[in-house]
Each structure stands twice: as structure tokens, then as C-alpha cells.
């Protein structure tokens, strides 16, 4: 089954809601997080554009960027203190509370703890991070999927493309849900669970 039409429909639903959202706050953490949640959805749109135009290497390269953007947004919202926010915004640096290096794995753990989540994102990171890095940084996976053994051509199976669509859908929907929680003008008419019901009707059905 080609999941791209349903993916496009899902993103259209999301965009139709977020263009009417307002987030009124003086909290730097909320402003920063909301911005990156919106950026994550834009990255999902980038995946859609690339897949729609058969630019498969670029679509897959965006998957790590999409995941990392969402995690950073979650971290900025509830994990970073004022000093970390200042470093991030004004110096473009990620630091721990002790002002040391903050790697992505530790950021994921902080996000799960602060948002009281199960170790779901840690499992995603542990199982996919090396592969996502290989794809984004033009490693062996990009070679394998773009060279047939005798010629340069796309070698992406339908299952590869559908997995990318499902991954991107998951992050886009979670970013949308996060924006809904931060929005100050939805009055209950935007229900992320209804979107997930639609998504589950076509995705994650293995």
C-alpha cells in the first residue's frame, strides 16, 4: 500500500489547525519549544515534498533532523533551566546543568523524565540513531540505497518508504499534540486524539 496520499492528508489536517493557533506567553521556554515543534512539522512537510518528487535520499536524510528537532523542543519546554536556555538561544550551545557537554542520549533521558514518559524515545534512539546518522551524513546506507551494483539509481523498497512515512507521521503528530497543549485559543475544538484515530486507520498496522 502506498501511504503517501494519507501522509499528505494528515499533514493537511495539521496545517489547517495550526495556522489558527495562538500561543500567548512570556515564558522563553514555551516560545522556544513551540517554535521548534512548528519547525518539526515543517521538516515533515519537507519529507512529503521530497517523497512526492522521488527525492528519496533527501527525504530519508530529514528523518534524523525531524526526530532531533522534536526532542530538542521537548527539552527546551520542560528540561532546560534559564542558563541552558540562554546558552542555547544566544550561543547556539547545548550544555548540561553542570555546564558540560549534553549529548543527545542524555537529552532523550531528561525529556522522558521531565515529561513523565516511558522509555519510548530512548528505544527509538537506541535502535535507529546509527542508521539515521548514516543516512543524514551520507554513509553506507545512502550508498546501498542509491547504487544497484552496476548503476547509480534509487534502490528504495516500498517498505523502506512506508517506514519513513510512518516515522515522520508519528513525529509530526506528536509535535502537533504538543502545540495543542501550549495553545491558548483552541477552546477544545482541536482534538489531537481525533487526528491519531485517523492516522491509526492507515498507519502502524503491521
N, C-alpha and C. Protein backbone atom coordinates (compact mmCIF):
# COMPACT_ATOMS: atom_id res chain seq x y z
N UNK A 1 0.84 -1.20 0.00
CA UNK A 1 0.00 0.00 0.00
C UNK A 1 0.87 1.25 0.00
N UNK A 2 0.55 2.18 -0.86
CA UNK A 2 1.26 3.45 -0.92
C UNK A 2 0.67 4.39 0.15
N UNK A 3 1.47 4.71 1.16
CA UNK A 3 0.98 5.52 2.27
C UNK A 3 1.09 7.03 2.02
N UNK A 4 1.74 7.42 0.93
CA UNK A 4 1.99 8.85 0.72
C UNK A 4 0.72 9.69 0.66
N UNK A 5 -0.34 9.27 -0.04
CA UNK A 5 -1.56 10.11 -0.06
C UNK A 5 -2.14 10.35 1.33
N UNK A 6 -2.14 9.33 2.18
CA UNK A 6 -2.66 9.50 3.54
C UNK A 6 -1.75 10.39 4.37
N UNK A 7 -0.44 10.29 4.13
CA UNK A 7 0.51 11.16 4.82
C UNK A 7 0.26 12.62 4.46
N UNK A 8 0.05 12.85 3.17
CA UNK A 8 -0.25 14.22 2.72
C UNK A 8 -1.54 14.73 3.36
N UNK A 9 -2.54 13.88 3.42
CA UNK A 9 -3.81 14.27 4.04
C UNK A 9 -3.64 14.59 5.52
N UNK A 10 -2.83 13.80 6.20
CA UNK A 10 -2.56 14.03 7.62
C UNK A 10 -1.91 15.39 7.83
N UNK A 11 -0.90 15.70 7.03
CA UNK A 11 -0.23 17.00 7.17
C UNK A 11 -1.15 18.15 6.82
N UNK A 12 -2.04 17.95 5.86
CA UNK A 12 -3.02 19.00 5.54
C UNK A 12 -3.94 19.28 6.72
N UNK A 13 -4.34 18.22 7.43
CA UNK A 13 -5.19 18.40 8.62
C UNK A 13 -4.44 19.19 9.68
N UNK A 14 -3.19 18.81 9.91
CA UNK A 14 -2.37 19.51 10.92
C UNK A 14 -2.22 20.98 10.56
N UNK A 15 -1.85 21.26 9.33
CA UNK A 15 -1.64 22.64 8.92
C UNK A 15 -2.93 23.46 9.02
N UNK A 16 -4.05 22.83 8.70
CA UNK A 16 -5.32 23.54 8.79
C UNK A 16 -5.65 24.00 10.19
N UNK A 17 -5.16 23.27 11.19
CA UNK A 17 -5.39 23.66 12.58
C UNK A 17 -4.35 24.65 13.10
N UNK A 18 -3.07 24.40 12.79
CA UNK A 18 -2.04 25.22 13.46
C UNK A 18 -2.00 26.65 12.92
N UNK A 19 -2.49 26.87 11.71
CA UNK A 19 -2.48 28.26 11.21
C UNK A 19 -3.43 29.14 12.01
N UNK A 20 -4.36 28.52 12.75
CA UNK A 20 -5.30 29.31 13.55
C UNK A 20 -4.93 29.34 15.03
N UNK A 21 -3.85 28.67 15.40
CA UNK A 21 -3.46 28.61 16.81
C UNK A 21 -2.79 29.90 17.25
N UNK A 22 -2.98 30.22 18.53
CA UNK A 22 -2.24 31.29 19.17
C UNK A 22 -1.62 30.75 20.46
N UNK A 23 -0.38 31.13 20.70
CA UNK A 23 0.29 30.75 21.94
C UNK A 23 0.76 32.05 22.58
N UNK A 24 0.03 32.47 23.59
CA UNK A 24 0.32 33.74 24.26
C UNK A 24 1.03 33.45 25.57
N UNK A 25 2.29 33.81 25.64
CA UNK A 25 3.10 33.53 26.83
C UNK A 25 4.31 34.45 26.87
N UNK A 26 4.81 34.66 28.07
CA UNK A 26 6.07 35.37 28.24
C UNK A 26 7.22 34.42 28.57
N UNK A 27 6.90 33.13 28.65
CA UNK A 27 7.90 32.13 29.00
C UNK A 27 8.81 31.85 27.81
N UNK A 28 10.11 32.08 27.99
CA UNK A 28 11.06 31.83 26.91
C UNK A 28 11.07 30.36 26.53
N UNK A 29 10.94 29.49 27.53
CA UNK A 29 10.96 28.05 27.25
C UNK A 29 9.81 27.64 26.36
N UNK A 30 8.63 28.22 26.60
CA UNK A 30 7.45 27.88 25.80
C UNK A 30 7.60 28.43 24.39
N UNK A 31 8.04 29.68 24.27
CA UNK A 31 8.23 30.27 22.93
C UNK A 31 9.24 29.45 22.12
N UNK A 32 10.33 29.05 22.77
CA UNK A 32 11.37 28.30 22.07
C UNK A 32 10.86 26.92 21.66
N UNK A 33 10.19 26.25 22.59
CA UNK A 33 9.69 24.91 22.31
C UNK A 33 8.65 24.94 21.19
N UNK A 34 7.71 25.89 21.28
CA UNK A 34 6.66 25.98 20.27
C UNK A 34 7.26 26.24 18.89
N UNK A 35 8.28 27.07 18.83
CA UNK A 35 8.94 27.33 17.55
C UNK A 35 9.50 26.05 16.96
N UNK A 36 10.18 25.25 17.78
CA UNK A 36 10.78 24.02 17.26
C UNK A 36 9.74 22.95 16.95
N UNK A 37 8.64 22.91 17.70
CA UNK A 37 7.56 21.98 17.33
C UNK A 37 7.05 22.33 15.92
N UNK A 38 6.90 23.63 15.66
CA UNK A 38 6.45 24.06 14.33
C UNK A 38 7.50 23.73 13.27
N UNK A 39 8.77 23.89 13.61
CA UNK A 39 9.85 23.54 12.68
C UNK A 39 9.82 22.04 12.38
N UNK A 40 9.55 21.23 13.39
CA UNK A 40 9.47 19.78 13.17
C UNK A 40 8.38 19.46 12.15
N UNK A 41 7.25 20.13 12.27
CA UNK A 41 6.17 19.90 11.30
C UNK A 41 6.61 20.37 9.91
N UNK A 42 7.35 21.45 9.83
CA UNK A 42 7.89 21.88 8.54
C UNK A 42 8.84 20.83 7.95
N UNK A 43 9.65 20.22 8.81
CA UNK A 43 10.53 19.14 8.32
C UNK A 43 9.70 17.98 7.78
N UNK A 44 8.60 17.67 8.46
CA UNK A 44 7.70 16.63 7.96
C UNK A 44 7.15 17.00 6.59
N UNK A 45 6.85 18.29 6.40
CA UNK A 45 6.42 18.76 5.09
C UNK A 45 7.55 18.60 4.06
N UNK A 46 8.77 18.81 4.52
CA UNK A 46 9.92 18.60 3.63
C UNK A 46 10.04 17.15 3.19
N UNK A 47 9.81 16.23 4.11
CA UNK A 47 9.81 14.80 3.77
C UNK A 47 8.74 14.53 2.72
N UNK A 48 7.56 15.10 2.93
CA UNK A 48 6.46 14.93 1.96
C UNK A 48 6.86 15.45 0.59
N UNK A 49 7.43 16.65 0.53
CA UNK A 49 7.81 17.24 -0.75
C UNK A 49 8.84 16.36 -1.45
N UNK A 50 9.83 15.90 -0.71
CA UNK A 50 10.88 15.08 -1.32
C UNK A 50 10.32 13.75 -1.83
N UNK A 51 9.49 13.09 -1.03
CA UNK A 51 8.91 11.82 -1.47
C UNK A 51 8.01 12.03 -2.69
N UNK A 52 7.24 13.11 -2.69
CA UNK A 52 6.34 13.38 -3.81
C UNK A 52 7.10 13.61 -5.11
N UNK A 53 8.36 14.00 -5.00
CA UNK A 53 9.18 14.27 -6.18
C UNK A 53 10.30 13.25 -6.35
N UNK A 54 10.14 12.10 -5.69
CA UNK A 54 11.10 10.98 -5.81
C UNK A 54 12.52 11.36 -5.40
N UNK A 55 12.65 12.37 -4.53
CA UNK A 55 13.96 12.74 -3.99
C UNK A 55 14.19 11.95 -2.70
N UNK A 56 14.28 10.63 -2.85
CA UNK A 56 14.31 9.75 -1.69
C UNK A 56 15.52 9.95 -0.78
N UNK A 57 16.74 10.15 -1.30
CA UNK A 57 17.86 10.38 -0.38
C UNK A 57 17.64 11.57 0.55
N UNK A 58 17.08 12.66 -0.01
CA UNK A 58 16.84 13.85 0.81
C UNK A 58 15.73 13.62 1.81
N UNK A 59 14.68 12.90 1.41
CA UNK A 59 13.58 12.60 2.32
C UNK A 59 14.08 11.81 3.52
N UNK A 60 14.90 10.80 3.27
CA UNK A 60 15.40 9.97 4.37
C UNK A 60 16.41 10.74 5.21
N UNK A 61 17.18 11.63 4.60
CA UNK A 61 18.16 12.42 5.36
C UNK A 61 17.48 13.34 6.37
N UNK A 62 16.23 13.71 6.10
CA UNK A 62 15.50 14.59 7.01
C UNK A 62 14.97 13.88 8.25
N UNK A 63 14.96 12.56 8.26
CA UNK A 63 14.34 11.84 9.38
C UNK A 63 15.07 12.09 10.70
N UNK A 64 16.38 12.08 10.66
CA UNK A 64 17.12 12.37 11.90
C UNK A 64 16.87 13.82 12.34
N UNK A 65 16.88 14.75 11.39
CA UNK A 65 16.64 16.16 11.71
C UNK A 65 15.26 16.33 12.34
N UNK A 66 14.28 15.63 11.80
CA UNK A 66 12.92 15.69 12.32
C UNK A 66 12.85 15.19 13.76
N UNK A 67 13.43 14.04 14.02
CA UNK A 67 13.42 13.45 15.36
C UNK A 67 14.17 14.34 16.35
N UNK A 68 15.33 14.83 15.95
CA UNK A 68 16.15 15.65 16.84
C UNK A 68 15.46 16.98 17.16
N UNK A 69 14.80 17.56 16.18
CA UNK A 69 14.09 18.82 16.40
C UNK A 69 12.98 18.65 17.43
N UNK A 70 12.23 17.55 17.31
CA UNK A 70 11.16 17.28 18.27
C UNK A 70 11.72 17.09 19.69
N UNK A 71 12.77 16.33 19.82
CA UNK A 71 13.36 16.09 21.14
C UNK A 71 13.90 17.39 21.73
N UNK A 72 14.54 18.20 20.91
CA UNK A 72 15.04 19.48 21.42
C UNK A 72 13.89 20.37 21.89
N UNK A 73 12.79 20.36 21.16
CA UNK A 73 11.63 21.16 21.58
C UNK A 73 11.12 20.69 22.93
N UNK A 74 11.02 19.39 23.10
CA UNK A 74 10.57 18.82 24.38
C UNK A 74 11.53 19.19 25.50
N UNK A 75 12.82 19.19 25.20
CA UNK A 75 13.84 19.52 26.20
C UNK A 75 13.76 21.00 26.58
N UNK A 76 13.61 21.86 25.60
CA UNK A 76 13.50 23.29 25.88
C UNK A 76 12.27 23.61 26.71
N UNK A 77 11.18 22.88 26.48
CA UNK A 77 9.93 23.17 27.17
C UNK A 77 10.01 22.88 28.67
N UNK A 78 10.57 21.74 29.05
CA UNK A 78 10.47 21.32 30.45
C UNK A 78 11.78 20.94 31.12
N UNK A 79 12.86 20.87 30.36
CA UNK A 79 14.12 20.40 30.97
C UNK A 79 15.13 21.52 31.19
N UNK A 80 15.29 22.38 30.22
CA UNK A 80 16.35 23.39 30.28
C UNK A 80 16.06 24.45 31.33
N UNK A 81 17.07 24.78 32.12
CA UNK A 81 16.92 25.89 33.06
C UNK A 81 17.28 27.20 32.36
N UNK A 82 17.23 28.30 33.08
CA UNK A 82 17.44 29.61 32.45
C UNK A 82 18.83 29.74 31.84
N UNK A 83 19.85 29.17 32.53
CA UNK A 83 21.21 29.25 32.00
C UNK A 83 21.34 28.43 30.71
N UNK A 84 20.71 27.25 30.70
CA UNK A 84 20.77 26.42 29.49
C UNK A 84 20.02 27.07 28.33
N UNK A 85 18.89 27.68 28.64
CA UNK A 85 18.15 28.40 27.60
C UNK A 85 18.98 29.53 27.02
N UNK A 86 19.65 30.27 27.88
CA UNK A 86 20.47 31.39 27.43
C UNK A 86 21.59 30.90 26.52
N UNK A 87 22.24 29.82 26.91
CA UNK A 87 23.31 29.25 26.10
C UNK A 87 22.79 28.80 24.74
N UNK A 88 21.63 28.17 24.77
CA UNK A 88 21.05 27.63 23.54
C UNK A 88 20.65 28.75 22.58
N UNK A 89 19.97 29.75 23.11
CA UNK A 89 19.42 30.81 22.25
C UNK A 89 20.49 31.79 21.79
N UNK A 90 21.37 32.17 22.70
CA UNK A 90 22.32 33.24 22.38
C UNK A 90 23.70 32.76 21.94
N UNK A 91 24.03 31.49 22.28
CA UNK A 91 25.35 30.98 21.89
C UNK A 91 25.26 29.72 21.04
N UNK A 92 24.03 29.25 20.79
CA UNK A 92 23.83 28.05 19.98
C UNK A 92 24.58 26.85 20.55
N UNK A 93 24.53 26.73 21.90
CA UNK A 93 25.24 25.64 22.56
C UNK A 93 24.28 24.82 23.42
N UNK A 94 24.47 23.52 23.39
CA UNK A 94 23.74 22.61 24.27
C UNK A 94 24.65 22.22 25.42
N UNK A 95 24.25 22.58 26.64
CA UNK A 95 25.07 22.25 27.80
C UNK A 95 24.21 21.59 28.86
N UNK A 96 24.85 20.81 29.70
CA UNK A 96 24.16 20.20 30.83
C UNK A 96 23.97 21.24 31.92
N UNK A 97 23.23 20.86 32.97
CA UNK A 97 23.04 21.79 34.08
C UNK A 97 24.34 22.10 34.78
N UNK A 98 25.34 21.23 34.63
CA UNK A 98 26.66 21.48 35.20
C UNK A 98 27.57 22.22 34.22
N UNK A 99 26.98 22.69 33.10
CA UNK A 99 27.69 23.44 32.07
C UNK A 99 28.69 22.59 31.30
N UNK A 100 28.44 21.28 31.29
CA UNK A 100 29.26 20.38 30.48
C UNK A 100 28.56 20.03 29.19
N UNK A 101 29.14 19.12 28.45
CA UNK A 101 28.54 18.69 27.19
C UNK A 101 27.25 17.91 27.44
N UNK A 102 26.25 18.17 26.65
CA UNK A 102 24.99 17.43 26.73
C UNK A 102 24.80 16.67 25.43
N UNK A 103 24.96 15.34 25.49
CA UNK A 103 24.78 14.58 24.26
C UNK A 103 23.31 14.23 24.05
N UNK A 104 23.01 13.75 22.87
CA UNK A 104 21.61 13.53 22.51
C UNK A 104 20.97 12.44 23.36
N UNK A 105 21.72 11.40 23.68
CA UNK A 105 21.17 10.33 24.50
C UNK A 105 20.74 10.82 25.88
N UNK A 106 21.56 11.67 26.48
CA UNK A 106 21.21 12.23 27.79
C UNK A 106 20.01 13.17 27.69
N UNK A 107 19.93 13.90 26.58
CA UNK A 107 18.79 14.78 26.37
C UNK A 107 17.49 13.98 26.30
N UNK A 108 17.53 12.86 25.60
CA UNK A 108 16.35 11.99 25.49
C UNK A 108 15.93 11.50 26.87
N UNK A 109 16.89 11.09 27.68
CA UNK A 109 16.57 10.62 29.04
C UNK A 109 15.95 11.73 29.87
N UNK A 110 16.48 12.95 29.76
CA UNK A 110 15.91 14.09 30.50
C UNK A 110 14.48 14.37 30.05
N UNK A 111 14.24 14.28 28.76
CA UNK A 111 12.90 14.52 28.22
C UNK A 111 11.91 13.50 28.77
N UNK A 112 12.29 12.24 28.76
CA UNK A 112 11.40 11.19 29.26
C UNK A 112 11.09 11.39 30.73
N UNK A 113 12.10 11.80 31.51
CA UNK A 113 11.90 12.01 32.94
C UNK A 113 11.02 13.23 33.20
N UNK A 114 11.33 14.35 32.56
CA UNK A 114 10.60 15.59 32.83
C UNK A 114 9.15 15.53 32.36
N UNK A 115 8.91 14.82 31.26
CA UNK A 115 7.55 14.72 30.71
C UNK A 115 6.82 13.47 31.22
N UNK A 116 7.49 12.74 32.14
CA UNK A 116 6.92 11.53 32.74
C UNK A 116 6.47 10.54 31.66
N UNK A 117 7.39 10.25 30.77
CA UNK A 117 7.13 9.35 29.66
C UNK A 117 7.83 8.01 29.88
N UNK A 118 7.32 6.94 29.28
CA UNK A 118 8.07 5.68 29.30
C UNK A 118 9.33 5.83 28.45
N UNK A 119 10.16 4.79 28.42
CA UNK A 119 11.45 4.89 27.71
C UNK A 119 11.29 4.68 26.21
N UNK A 120 10.21 5.20 25.67
CA UNK A 120 9.89 5.02 24.26
C UNK A 120 10.92 5.70 23.35
N UNK A 121 11.23 6.96 23.64
CA UNK A 121 12.17 7.69 22.79
C UNK A 121 13.58 7.12 22.92
N UNK A 122 13.93 6.64 24.10
CA UNK A 122 15.23 6.00 24.28
C UNK A 122 15.36 4.77 23.39
N UNK A 123 14.28 4.01 23.30
CA UNK A 123 14.30 2.81 22.45
C UNK A 123 14.43 3.20 20.98
N UNK A 124 13.71 4.24 20.58
CA UNK A 124 13.85 4.72 19.20
C UNK A 124 15.29 5.14 18.93
N UNK A 125 15.84 5.91 19.87
CA UNK A 125 17.21 6.39 19.70
C UNK A 125 18.19 5.22 19.63
N UNK A 126 18.04 4.25 20.53
CA UNK A 126 18.98 3.15 20.57
C UNK A 126 18.90 2.26 19.33
N UNK A 127 17.70 2.13 18.75
CA UNK A 127 17.52 1.23 17.63
C UNK A 127 17.73 1.90 16.26
N UNK A 128 17.60 3.22 16.21
CA UNK A 128 17.62 3.87 14.89
C UNK A 128 18.73 4.91 14.73
N UNK A 129 19.36 5.34 15.81
CA UNK A 129 20.24 6.51 15.73
C UNK A 129 21.42 6.31 14.79
N UNK A 130 22.07 5.15 14.86
CA UNK A 130 23.23 4.93 13.99
C UNK A 130 22.80 4.91 12.53
N UNK A 131 21.64 4.30 12.25
CA UNK A 131 21.14 4.29 10.89
C UNK A 131 20.74 5.67 10.40
N UNK A 132 20.07 6.44 11.26
CA UNK A 132 19.69 7.80 10.88
C UNK A 132 20.92 8.66 10.61
N UNK A 133 21.97 8.49 11.43
CA UNK A 133 23.20 9.24 11.21
C UNK A 133 23.84 8.86 9.87
N UNK A 134 23.85 7.57 9.57
CA UNK A 134 24.43 7.11 8.30
C UNK A 134 23.71 7.72 7.12
N UNK A 135 22.39 7.79 7.21
CA UNK A 135 21.60 8.35 6.11
C UNK A 135 21.82 9.85 6.00
N UNK A 136 21.73 10.56 7.13
CA UNK A 136 21.86 12.02 7.10
C UNK A 136 23.24 12.46 6.66
N UNK A 137 24.27 11.71 7.08
CA UNK A 137 25.65 12.11 6.78
C UNK A 137 26.23 11.35 5.59
N UNK A 138 25.35 10.82 4.75
CA UNK A 138 25.77 10.16 3.51
C UNK A 138 26.74 9.02 3.75
N UNK A 139 26.36 8.14 4.67
CA UNK A 139 27.17 6.97 4.97
C UNK A 139 26.82 5.79 4.09
N UNK A 140 27.11 4.59 4.60
CA UNK A 140 26.96 3.38 3.81
C UNK A 140 25.53 3.13 3.37
N UNK A 141 24.55 3.50 4.21
CA UNK A 141 23.15 3.23 3.84
C UNK A 141 22.76 4.02 2.59
N UNK A 142 23.21 5.27 2.51
CA UNK A 142 22.91 6.04 1.30
C UNK A 142 23.57 5.41 0.07
N UNK A 143 24.77 4.87 0.23
CA UNK A 143 25.42 4.19 -0.89
C UNK A 143 24.61 2.98 -1.32
N UNK A 144 24.21 2.18 -0.33
CA UNK A 144 23.49 0.94 -0.63
C UNK A 144 22.15 1.18 -1.30
N UNK A 145 21.50 2.27 -0.93
CA UNK A 145 20.15 2.53 -1.46
C UNK A 145 20.16 3.40 -2.71
N UNK A 146 21.33 3.74 -3.18
CA UNK A 146 21.40 4.57 -4.38
C UNK A 146 22.38 4.04 -5.42
N UNK A 147 22.83 2.81 -5.24
CA UNK A 147 23.70 2.16 -6.22
C UNK A 147 23.29 0.70 -6.33
N UNK A 148 22.93 0.29 -7.53
CA UNK A 148 22.38 -1.05 -7.74
C UNK A 148 23.44 -2.14 -7.82
N UNK A 149 24.70 -1.75 -7.89
CA UNK A 149 25.78 -2.69 -8.11
C UNK A 149 26.39 -2.51 -9.48
N UNK A 150 25.62 -1.92 -10.38
CA UNK A 150 26.12 -1.65 -11.73
C UNK A 150 25.81 -0.24 -12.20
N UNK A 151 24.84 0.42 -11.52
CA UNK A 151 24.49 1.78 -11.93
C UNK A 151 23.99 2.58 -10.74
N UNK A 152 24.07 3.90 -10.86
CA UNK A 152 23.57 4.79 -9.81
C UNK A 152 22.07 4.96 -10.03
N UNK A 153 21.29 4.48 -9.09
CA UNK A 153 19.84 4.58 -9.17
C UNK A 153 19.25 4.36 -7.78
N UNK A 154 18.03 4.83 -7.59
CA UNK A 154 17.36 4.63 -6.31
C UNK A 154 17.02 3.16 -6.13
N UNK A 155 17.33 2.64 -4.95
CA UNK A 155 17.06 1.24 -4.63
C UNK A 155 16.23 1.16 -3.34
N UNK A 156 15.22 1.99 -3.25
CA UNK A 156 14.37 2.06 -2.06
C UNK A 156 13.15 1.16 -2.25
N UNK A 157 13.00 0.18 -1.38
CA UNK A 157 11.83 -0.69 -1.44
C UNK A 157 10.61 0.07 -0.92
N UNK A 158 9.43 -0.40 -1.32
CA UNK A 158 8.19 0.21 -0.86
C UNK A 158 8.13 0.22 0.67
N UNK A 159 8.59 -0.86 1.31
CA UNK A 159 8.56 -0.92 2.78
C UNK A 159 9.46 0.14 3.39
N UNK A 160 10.62 0.42 2.76
CA UNK A 160 11.51 1.48 3.26
C UNK A 160 10.78 2.82 3.26
N UNK A 161 10.11 3.11 2.16
CA UNK A 161 9.41 4.39 2.02
C UNK A 161 8.26 4.49 3.00
N UNK A 162 7.50 3.42 3.16
CA UNK A 162 6.38 3.44 4.10
C UNK A 162 6.86 3.58 5.54
N UNK A 163 7.99 2.96 5.88
CA UNK A 163 8.54 3.12 7.23
C UNK A 163 8.93 4.57 7.48
N UNK A 164 9.52 5.21 6.48
CA UNK A 164 9.88 6.63 6.63
C UNK A 164 8.64 7.48 6.81
N UNK A 165 7.59 7.18 6.07
CA UNK A 165 6.34 7.93 6.19
C UNK A 165 5.74 7.74 7.58
N UNK A 166 5.73 6.53 8.08
CA UNK A 166 5.15 6.28 9.40
C UNK A 166 5.96 6.98 10.49
N UNK A 167 7.29 6.94 10.37
CA UNK A 167 8.14 7.61 11.36
C UNK A 167 7.88 9.11 11.34
N UNK A 168 7.85 9.68 10.15
CA UNK A 168 7.61 11.12 10.02
C UNK A 168 6.22 11.50 10.51
N UNK A 169 5.24 10.66 10.22
CA UNK A 169 3.87 10.90 10.69
C UNK A 169 3.82 10.93 12.21
N UNK A 170 4.49 9.98 12.84
CA UNK A 170 4.49 9.89 14.30
C UNK A 170 5.05 11.18 14.91
N UNK A 171 6.19 11.65 14.41
CA UNK A 171 6.82 12.85 14.98
C UNK A 171 5.97 14.08 14.68
N UNK A 172 5.40 14.17 13.48
CA UNK A 172 4.56 15.32 13.14
C UNK A 172 3.33 15.38 14.04
N UNK A 173 2.71 14.22 14.28
CA UNK A 173 1.52 14.19 15.13
C UNK A 173 1.85 14.54 16.58
N UNK A 174 2.98 14.08 17.07
CA UNK A 174 3.37 14.41 18.44
C UNK A 174 3.72 15.89 18.56
N UNK A 175 4.32 16.46 17.53
CA UNK A 175 4.61 17.90 17.53
C UNK A 175 3.31 18.69 17.53
N UNK A 176 2.35 18.23 16.74
CA UNK A 176 1.04 18.88 16.70
C UNK A 176 0.36 18.81 18.06
N UNK A 177 0.40 17.64 18.69
CA UNK A 177 -0.21 17.48 20.01
C UNK A 177 0.45 18.41 21.02
N UNK A 178 1.76 18.56 20.94
CA UNK A 178 2.48 19.46 21.85
C UNK A 178 2.05 20.91 21.64
N UNK A 179 1.88 21.30 20.39
CA UNK A 179 1.41 22.66 20.11
C UNK A 179 0.00 22.88 20.64
N UNK A 180 -0.84 21.85 20.52
CA UNK A 180 -2.20 21.96 21.05
C UNK A 180 -2.19 22.20 22.55
N UNK A 181 -1.27 21.54 23.25
CA UNK A 181 -1.18 21.72 24.70
C UNK A 181 -0.71 23.13 25.07
N UNK A 182 0.10 23.73 24.22
CA UNK A 182 0.62 25.07 24.51
C UNK A 182 -0.31 26.18 24.02
N UNK A 183 -1.20 25.86 23.09
CA UNK A 183 -2.07 26.88 22.50
C UNK A 183 -3.03 27.45 23.54
N UNK A 184 -3.34 28.71 23.38
CA UNK A 184 -4.23 29.39 24.33
C UNK A 184 -5.59 29.73 23.73
N UNK A 185 -5.85 29.32 22.50
CA UNK A 185 -7.11 29.72 21.85
C UNK A 185 -7.87 28.57 21.21
N UNK A 186 -7.56 27.32 21.58
CA UNK A 186 -8.23 26.20 20.90
C UNK A 186 -9.63 25.94 21.45
N UNK A 187 -9.87 26.25 22.72
CA UNK A 187 -11.20 26.09 23.33
C UNK A 187 -11.76 24.68 23.17
N UNK A 188 -10.87 23.72 23.07
CA UNK A 188 -11.31 22.33 23.00
C UNK A 188 -11.72 21.86 21.62
N UNK A 189 -11.75 22.75 20.61
CA UNK A 189 -12.21 22.29 19.29
C UNK A 189 -11.14 21.54 18.52
N UNK A 190 -9.89 21.62 18.96
CA UNK A 190 -8.81 20.87 18.33
C UNK A 190 -8.47 19.68 19.23
N UNK A 191 -8.71 18.49 18.71
CA UNK A 191 -8.51 17.28 19.50
C UNK A 191 -7.46 16.40 18.82
N UNK A 192 -6.23 16.38 19.35
CA UNK A 192 -5.18 15.56 18.73
C UNK A 192 -5.55 14.08 18.68
N UNK A 193 -6.39 13.63 19.61
CA UNK A 193 -6.76 12.22 19.61
C UNK A 193 -7.56 11.85 18.36
N UNK A 194 -8.37 12.79 17.85
CA UNK A 194 -9.11 12.53 16.62
C UNK A 194 -8.17 12.36 15.44
N UNK A 195 -7.11 13.18 15.43
CA UNK A 195 -6.11 13.04 14.38
C UNK A 195 -5.44 11.67 14.47
N UNK A 196 -5.11 11.24 15.68
CA UNK A 196 -4.46 9.95 15.85
C UNK A 196 -5.38 8.81 15.44
N UNK A 197 -6.66 8.96 15.67
CA UNK A 197 -7.60 7.93 15.23
C UNK A 197 -7.56 7.80 13.71
N UNK A 198 -7.50 8.94 13.02
CA UNK A 198 -7.39 8.91 11.56
C UNK A 198 -6.08 8.25 11.14
N UNK A 199 -4.98 8.64 11.78
CA UNK A 199 -3.67 8.10 11.42
C UNK A 199 -3.63 6.59 11.64
N UNK A 200 -4.18 6.15 12.76
CA UNK A 200 -4.15 4.72 13.06
C UNK A 200 -5.01 3.91 12.11
N UNK A 201 -5.89 4.58 11.35
CA UNK A 201 -6.69 3.86 10.37
C UNK A 201 -5.88 3.45 9.15
N UNK A 202 -4.70 4.08 8.97
CA UNK A 202 -3.88 3.73 7.80
C UNK A 202 -2.42 3.43 8.12
N UNK A 203 -1.94 3.82 9.30
CA UNK A 203 -0.54 3.62 9.64
C UNK A 203 -0.39 2.71 10.85
N UNK A 204 0.83 2.21 11.03
CA UNK A 204 1.19 1.40 12.21
C UNK A 204 0.32 0.16 12.35
N UNK A 205 -0.03 -0.45 11.22
CA UNK A 205 -0.95 -1.59 11.26
C UNK A 205 -0.26 -2.93 11.01
N UNK A 206 1.04 -2.96 11.17
CA UNK A 206 1.76 -4.22 10.95
C UNK A 206 1.46 -5.22 12.05
